[in-house]
Amino acid sequence: MAVMDSDSENRFIAVETKLAYLEDFVEKLQEVAVEQGKEIERLRDENKLLSSRFRELQDSLEDIPNRKPPHY
């Protein structure tokens, strides 16, 4: 078994430490990405609903004649 000198061992520990931080960062980033994906899907659904309601209102307004009310 080869013995590491102190400088190599310190560098190895530094690399392991950075890897641990990177793994944690990637996990947190993935959680955020999943949550944002869910939020985007929720907003798409809400947008579809609002668009549908807007079209319904627009269609119902076309049925109302464009004339002055009787009190004029």
N, C-alpha and C. Protein backbone atom coordinates (compact mmCIF):
# COMPACT_ATOMS: atom_id res chain seq x y z
N MET A 1 0.84 -1.17 0.00
CA MET A 1 0.00 0.00 0.00
C MET A 1 0.89 1.24 0.00
N ALA A 2 0.58 2.14 -0.90
CA ALA A 2 1.38 3.36 -1.02
C ALA A 2 0.95 4.37 0.03
N VAL A 3 1.90 5.06 0.55
CA VAL A 3 1.63 6.07 1.56
C VAL A 3 1.58 7.43 0.86
N MET A 4 0.52 8.20 1.13
CA MET A 4 0.41 9.53 0.55
C MET A 4 1.19 10.52 1.38
N ASP A 5 1.80 11.47 0.67
CA ASP A 5 2.43 12.53 1.44
C ASP A 5 1.34 13.50 1.90
N SER A 6 1.67 14.38 2.78
CA SER A 6 0.71 15.27 3.41
C SER A 6 0.03 16.18 2.39
N ASP A 7 0.79 16.69 1.41
CA ASP A 7 0.22 17.58 0.40
C ASP A 7 -0.81 16.84 -0.46
N SER A 8 -0.50 15.63 -0.88
CA SER A 8 -1.44 14.84 -1.68
C SER A 8 -2.69 14.50 -0.88
N GLU A 9 -2.51 14.17 0.37
CA GLU A 9 -3.64 13.84 1.22
C GLU A 9 -4.56 15.05 1.41
N ASN A 10 -3.96 16.21 1.61
CA ASN A 10 -4.76 17.44 1.77
C ASN A 10 -5.52 17.77 0.49
N ARG A 11 -4.87 17.57 -0.65
CA ARG A 11 -5.54 17.82 -1.93
C ARG A 11 -6.69 16.83 -2.14
N PHE A 12 -6.47 15.58 -1.77
CA PHE A 12 -7.50 14.56 -1.89
C PHE A 12 -8.70 14.89 -1.01
N ILE A 13 -8.43 15.31 0.21
CA ILE A 13 -9.51 15.70 1.13
C ILE A 13 -10.27 16.91 0.58
N ALA A 14 -9.54 17.86 0.00
CA ALA A 14 -10.18 19.04 -0.59
C ALA A 14 -11.10 18.64 -1.74
N VAL A 15 -10.65 17.70 -2.57
CA VAL A 15 -11.47 17.23 -3.69
C VAL A 15 -12.72 16.52 -3.17
N GLU A 16 -12.56 15.67 -2.17
CA GLU A 16 -13.71 14.97 -1.58
C GLU A 16 -14.70 15.96 -0.98
N THR A 17 -14.20 16.99 -0.33
CA THR A 17 -15.06 18.00 0.28
C THR A 17 -15.85 18.75 -0.80
N LYS A 18 -15.15 19.14 -1.86
CA LYS A 18 -15.83 19.85 -2.95
C LYS A 18 -16.87 18.95 -3.60
N LEU A 19 -16.56 17.68 -3.76
CA LEU A 19 -17.51 16.74 -4.35
C LEU A 19 -18.75 16.61 -3.48
N ALA A 20 -18.57 16.55 -2.17
CA ALA A 20 -19.71 16.46 -1.26
C ALA A 20 -20.60 17.70 -1.38
N TYR A 21 -19.98 18.88 -1.44
CA TYR A 21 -20.76 20.11 -1.60
C TYR A 21 -21.48 20.12 -2.94
N LEU A 22 -20.81 19.68 -3.99
CA LEU A 22 -21.43 19.65 -5.32
C LEU A 22 -22.61 18.68 -5.36
N GLU A 23 -22.47 17.53 -4.74
CA GLU A 23 -23.57 16.57 -4.69
C GLU A 23 -24.77 17.16 -3.97
N ASP A 24 -24.52 17.84 -2.86
CA ASP A 24 -25.60 18.49 -2.12
C ASP A 24 -26.26 19.58 -2.96
N PHE A 25 -25.43 20.37 -3.65
CA PHE A 25 -25.95 21.46 -4.49
C PHE A 25 -26.81 20.91 -5.62
N VAL A 26 -26.35 19.84 -6.27
CA VAL A 26 -27.11 19.24 -7.37
C VAL A 26 -28.44 18.70 -6.87
N GLU A 27 -28.45 18.09 -5.70
CA GLU A 27 -29.70 17.56 -5.13
C GLU A 27 -30.68 18.69 -4.86
N LYS A 28 -30.20 19.78 -4.28
CA LYS A 28 -31.08 20.93 -4.00
C LYS A 28 -31.56 21.56 -5.30
N LEU A 29 -30.69 21.66 -6.27
CA LEU A 29 -31.05 22.23 -7.57
C LEU A 29 -32.12 21.38 -8.24
N GLN A 30 -32.00 20.07 -8.14
CA GLN A 30 -32.98 19.17 -8.71
C GLN A 30 -34.34 19.35 -8.03
N GLU A 31 -34.34 19.49 -6.71
CA GLU A 31 -35.59 19.72 -5.98
C GLU A 31 -36.26 21.01 -6.45
N VAL A 32 -35.47 22.05 -6.64
CA VAL A 32 -36.02 23.33 -7.10
C VAL A 32 -36.58 23.17 -8.52
N ALA A 33 -35.87 22.46 -9.38
CA ALA A 33 -36.33 22.26 -10.75
C ALA A 33 -37.65 21.49 -10.77
N VAL A 34 -37.79 20.49 -9.93
CA VAL A 34 -39.03 19.71 -9.86
C VAL A 34 -40.17 20.61 -9.39
N GLU A 35 -39.94 21.39 -8.35
CA GLU A 35 -40.97 22.30 -7.85
C GLU A 35 -41.36 23.33 -8.90
N GLN A 36 -40.39 23.86 -9.61
CA GLN A 36 -40.70 24.84 -10.66
C GLN A 36 -41.49 24.19 -11.79
N GLY A 37 -41.18 22.95 -12.11
CA GLY A 37 -41.94 22.23 -13.13
C GLY A 37 -43.39 22.08 -12.72
N LYS A 38 -43.62 21.75 -11.45
CA LYS A 38 -44.99 21.63 -10.95
C LYS A 38 -45.71 22.98 -11.01
N GLU A 39 -45.00 24.04 -10.63
CA GLU A 39 -45.59 25.38 -10.65
C GLU A 39 -45.91 25.81 -12.08
N ILE A 40 -45.03 25.51 -13.01
CA ILE A 40 -45.29 25.84 -14.42
C ILE A 40 -46.53 25.10 -14.91
N GLU A 41 -46.66 23.84 -14.57
CA GLU A 41 -47.83 23.06 -14.98
C GLU A 41 -49.11 23.64 -14.37
N ARG A 42 -49.04 24.04 -13.10
CA ARG A 42 -50.20 24.66 -12.44
C ARG A 42 -50.59 25.96 -13.14
N LEU A 43 -49.58 26.77 -13.48
CA LEU A 43 -49.85 28.04 -14.15
C LEU A 43 -50.41 27.82 -15.56
N ARG A 44 -49.94 26.78 -16.25
CA ARG A 44 -50.49 26.46 -17.58
C ARG A 44 -51.97 26.10 -17.47
N ASP A 45 -52.29 25.28 -16.48
CA ASP A 45 -53.69 24.90 -16.28
C ASP A 45 -54.55 26.12 -15.97
N GLU A 46 -54.03 26.99 -15.11
CA GLU A 46 -54.76 28.21 -14.75
C GLU A 46 -54.93 29.11 -15.97
N ASN A 47 -53.90 29.19 -16.78
CA ASN A 47 -53.96 30.01 -17.99
C ASN A 47 -55.01 29.47 -18.96
N LYS A 48 -55.08 28.16 -19.11
CA LYS A 48 -56.09 27.56 -19.98
C LYS A 48 -57.49 27.87 -19.48
N LEU A 49 -57.68 27.75 -18.16
CA LEU A 49 -58.98 28.04 -17.58
C LEU A 49 -59.37 29.50 -17.80
N LEU A 50 -58.46 30.41 -17.54
CA LEU A 50 -58.75 31.83 -17.72
C LEU A 50 -59.00 32.17 -19.19
N SER A 51 -58.25 31.56 -20.09
CA SER A 51 -58.46 31.79 -21.52
C SER A 51 -59.84 31.32 -21.94
N SER A 52 -60.23 30.17 -21.42
CA SER A 52 -61.55 29.63 -21.74
C SER A 52 -62.65 30.56 -21.22
N ARG A 53 -62.50 31.00 -20.00
CA ARG A 53 -63.50 31.91 -19.43
C ARG A 53 -63.54 33.24 -20.19
N PHE A 54 -62.38 33.72 -20.59
CA PHE A 54 -62.32 34.97 -21.35
C PHE A 54 -63.06 34.81 -22.68
N ARG A 55 -62.84 33.67 -23.36
CA ARG A 55 -63.54 33.43 -24.63
C ARG A 55 -65.04 33.35 -24.43
N GLU A 56 -65.46 32.72 -23.33
CA GLU A 56 -66.90 32.65 -23.03
C GLU A 56 -67.47 34.05 -22.82
N LEU A 57 -66.76 34.87 -22.07
CA LEU A 57 -67.23 36.25 -21.85
C LEU A 57 -67.26 37.03 -23.15
N GLN A 58 -66.25 36.84 -23.96
CA GLN A 58 -66.18 37.54 -25.23
C GLN A 58 -67.34 37.13 -26.13
N ASP A 59 -67.64 35.84 -26.15
CA ASP A 59 -68.76 35.35 -26.95
C ASP A 59 -70.09 35.89 -26.44
N SER A 60 -70.25 35.97 -25.12
CA SER A 60 -71.51 36.48 -24.57
C SER A 60 -71.66 37.98 -24.83
N LEU A 61 -70.56 38.71 -24.90
CA LEU A 61 -70.64 40.14 -25.20
C LEU A 61 -71.07 40.38 -26.64
N GLU A 62 -70.72 39.49 -27.52
CA GLU A 62 -71.11 39.64 -28.92
C GLU A 62 -72.61 39.49 -29.09
N ASP A 63 -73.28 38.80 -28.17
CA ASP A 63 -74.72 38.62 -28.24
C ASP A 63 -75.49 39.87 -27.80
N ILE A 64 -74.84 40.77 -27.07
CA ILE A 64 -75.48 41.99 -26.58
C ILE A 64 -75.44 43.03 -27.70
N PRO A 65 -76.59 43.54 -28.08
CA PRO A 65 -76.60 44.55 -29.15
C PRO A 65 -75.90 45.83 -28.71
N ASN A 66 -75.27 46.48 -29.62
CA ASN A 66 -74.55 47.72 -29.34
C ASN A 66 -75.51 48.89 -29.59
N ARG A 67 -76.31 49.21 -28.60
CA ARG A 67 -77.25 50.33 -28.73
C ARG A 67 -77.34 51.06 -27.40
N LYS A 68 -77.92 52.23 -27.46
CA LYS A 68 -78.06 53.04 -26.26
C LYS A 68 -79.12 52.43 -25.35
N PRO A 69 -78.89 52.53 -24.02
CA PRO A 69 -79.91 52.04 -23.09
C PRO A 69 -81.21 52.84 -23.25
N PRO A 70 -82.33 52.30 -22.81
CA PRO A 70 -83.64 52.95 -23.00
C PRO A 70 -83.77 54.31 -22.31
N HIS A 71 -82.99 54.59 -21.30
CA HIS A 71 -83.16 55.86 -20.58
C HIS A 71 -82.55 57.04 -21.32
N TYR A 72 -81.88 56.84 -22.48
CA TYR A 72 -81.34 57.98 -23.24
C TYR A 72 -82.38 58.56 -24.15
